[in-house]
Amino acid sequence: MAATALKIISISNSLGVILPKDILSQLQVEKGDKIFLSDTPDSFRISRHTDELEKDQALAETIIRRRRTALRELAK
């Protein structure tokens, strides 16, 4: 997939980007839908919101909160 340059613009009191129609089509989203922005080791990833993804994220956050100390040790 080719990289697409997006310009950061002012939207009211915030900043944002406009996603081109072809990217929206590939993500299968339209106005009003939710998307997720996830960080990866070397970049970010935009993905379509799904109930399954939301459940997975909630589970991951729960595990991270409960196992914070163990995860810190593993990260060393």
C-alpha atoms as a PDB file:
ATOM      1  CA  MET A   1       0.000   0.000   0.000  1.00  0.00           C
ATOM      2  CA  ALA A   2       1.373   3.373  -1.001  1.00  0.00           C
ATOM      3  CA  ALA A   3       1.842   6.104   1.574  1.00  0.00           C
ATOM      4  CA  THR A   4      -0.643   8.961   1.444  1.00  0.00           C
ATOM      5  CA  ALA A   5       0.378  12.415   2.657  1.00  0.00           C
ATOM      6  CA  LEU A   6      -2.288  14.129   4.758  1.00  0.00           C
ATOM      7  CA  LYS A   7      -2.242  17.754   5.854  1.00  0.00           C
ATOM      8  CA  ILE A   8      -3.060  18.673   9.456  1.00  0.00           C
ATOM      9  CA  ILE A   9      -5.819  21.296   9.541  1.00  0.00           C
ATOM     10  CA  SER A  10      -7.718  23.275  12.172  1.00  0.00           C
ATOM     11  CA  ILE A  11     -11.169  21.922  12.998  1.00  0.00           C
ATOM     12  CA  SER A  12     -12.866  24.231  15.506  1.00  0.00           C
ATOM     13  CA  ASN A  13     -10.569  24.241  18.581  1.00  0.00           C
ATOM     14  CA  SER A  14      -8.792  21.040  17.538  1.00  0.00           C
ATOM     15  CA  LEU A  15      -6.518  19.717  14.823  1.00  0.00           C
ATOM     16  CA  GLY A  16      -7.384  16.938  12.410  1.00  0.00           C
ATOM     17  CA  VAL A  17      -6.884  15.352   9.014  1.00  0.00           C
ATOM     18  CA  ILE A  18      -9.292  14.696   6.173  1.00  0.00           C
ATOM     19  CA  LEU A  19      -9.239  11.086   4.960  1.00  0.00           C
ATOM     20  CA  PRO A  20      -9.642  10.719   1.176  1.00  0.00           C
ATOM     21  CA  LYS A  21     -12.699   8.853  -0.106  1.00  0.00           C
ATOM     22  CA  ASP A  22     -10.649   5.909  -1.373  1.00  0.00           C
ATOM     23  CA  ILE A  23      -9.162   5.352   2.092  1.00  0.00           C
ATOM     24  CA  LEU A  24     -12.610   5.596   3.704  1.00  0.00           C
ATOM     25  CA  SER A  25     -13.831   3.049   1.196  1.00  0.00           C
ATOM     26  CA  GLN A  26     -10.969   0.656   1.978  1.00  0.00           C
ATOM     27  CA  LEU A  27     -11.687   1.011   5.711  1.00  0.00           C
ATOM     28  CA  GLN A  28     -15.390   0.474   4.981  1.00  0.00           C
ATOM     29  CA  VAL A  29     -16.377   3.495   7.086  1.00  0.00           C
ATOM     30  CA  GLU A  30     -18.513   6.540   6.525  1.00  0.00           C
ATOM     31  CA  LYS A  31     -19.497   9.716   8.359  1.00  0.00           C
ATOM     32  CA  GLY A  32     -20.396   8.988  11.988  1.00  0.00           C
ATOM     33  CA  ASP A  33     -18.533   5.654  12.213  1.00  0.00           C
ATOM     34  CA  LYS A  34     -15.800   5.110  14.795  1.00  0.00           C
ATOM     35  CA  ILE A  35     -12.211   4.252  13.889  1.00  0.00           C
ATOM     36  CA  PHE A  36      -9.300   3.225  16.086  1.00  0.00           C
ATOM     37  CA  LEU A  37      -5.826   4.727  15.981  1.00  0.00           C
ATOM     38  CA  SER A  38      -3.368   2.197  17.436  1.00  0.00           C
ATOM     39  CA  ASP A  39       0.333   2.681  17.965  1.00  0.00           C
ATOM     40  CA  THR A  40       2.730   0.065  16.675  1.00  0.00           C
ATOM     41  CA  PRO A  41       6.463  -0.165  17.392  1.00  0.00           C
ATOM     42  CA  ASP A  42       7.360   2.059  14.429  1.00  0.00           C
ATOM     43  CA  SER A  43       4.149   3.831  13.335  1.00  0.00           C
ATOM     44  CA  PHE A  44       0.394   4.103  13.828  1.00  0.00           C
ATOM     45  CA  ARG A  45      -2.444   2.027  12.425  1.00  0.00           C
ATOM     46  CA  ILE A  46      -5.990   3.122  11.597  1.00  0.00           C
ATOM     47  CA  SER A  47      -8.621   0.405  11.760  1.00  0.00           C
ATOM     48  CA  ARG A  48     -12.370   0.154  11.552  1.00  0.00           C
ATOM     49  CA  HIS A  49     -14.264  -0.040  14.833  1.00  0.00           C
ATOM     50  CA  THR A  50     -15.911  -3.394  15.434  1.00  0.00           C
ATOM     51  CA  ASP A  51     -17.563  -4.836  18.530  1.00  0.00           C
ATOM     52  CA  GLU A  52     -14.977  -7.628  18.570  1.00  0.00           C
ATOM     53  CA  LEU A  53     -12.094  -5.141  18.457  1.00  0.00           C
ATOM     54  CA  GLU A  54     -13.667  -3.134  21.262  1.00  0.00           C
ATOM     55  CA  LYS A  55     -14.014  -6.271  23.421  1.00  0.00           C
ATOM     56  CA  ASP A  56     -10.394  -7.250  22.698  1.00  0.00           C
ATOM     57  CA  GLN A  57      -9.172  -3.773  23.644  1.00  0.00           C
ATOM     58  CA  ALA A  58     -11.161  -3.780  26.881  1.00  0.00           C
ATOM     59  CA  LEU A  59      -9.719  -7.195  27.782  1.00  0.00           C
ATOM     60  CA  ALA A  60      -6.178  -6.019  27.006  1.00  0.00           C
ATOM     61  CA  GLU A  61      -6.618  -2.924  29.188  1.00  0.00           C
ATOM     62  CA  THR A  62      -7.906  -5.085  32.060  1.00  0.00           C
ATOM     63  CA  ILE A  63      -4.913  -7.421  31.786  1.00  0.00           C
ATOM     64  CA  ILE A  64      -2.502  -4.488  31.623  1.00  0.00           C
ATOM     65  CA  ARG A  65      -4.003  -2.954  34.775  1.00  0.00           C
ATOM     66  CA  ARG A  66      -3.971  -6.250  36.699  1.00  0.00           C
ATOM     67  CA  ARG A  67      -0.509  -7.368  35.593  1.00  0.00           C
ATOM     68  CA  ARG A  68       1.245  -3.969  35.486  1.00  0.00           C
ATOM     69  CA  THR A  69       4.182  -5.050  37.662  1.00  0.00           C
ATOM     70  CA  ALA A  70       4.807  -8.283  35.752  1.00  0.00           C
ATOM     71  CA  LEU A  71       4.614  -6.464  32.415  1.00  0.00           C
ATOM     72  CA  ARG A  72       7.151  -3.863  33.593  1.00  0.00           C
ATOM     73  CA  GLU A  73       9.554  -6.629  34.582  1.00  0.00           C
ATOM     74  CA  LEU A  74       9.114  -8.381  31.240  1.00  0.00           C
ATOM     75  CA  ALA A  75       9.791  -5.112  29.414  1.00  0.00           C
ATOM     76  CA  LYS A  76      13.262  -4.764  30.982  1.00  0.00           C
END
